[in-house]
């Protein structure tokens, strides 16, 4: 697999980034042929989970109120600061009462930690 130029694994929070592990696991399971496409399909399908699992910080934003869906009753809105694929991500998530990810409402990408931290602290 060719290395993504935007994905340097020597960033300060590299241990939180699940991307290198994902690539290794997929290569073991599917082999090297067509690995780039397999990785992209998995990232597209599971981006929310990777961002949630790679969180460095989180803060509660209050109860999530859905007026037309009882499925989310008791859920909370949470802001996360995460790292995935060598980029910092700030996301607004819905989690259930057991802190399991239900959905991601917004994911913003940042190249540097100071910008991501600012967004994490200051977005409504």
Foldseek 3Di string as FASTA:
>chain_A
DDQDPLFDCPDPLNVLACLVVLLVVCCVVPNDVPSVVVSVVCCVVCVVVRFLSFFPDKDWPAQDDDPPDPVLPQKTWMWTWGDYRQWTKTWIFIAHPVRHTDDTPDIDTDSDDVVSVCCSPDPD
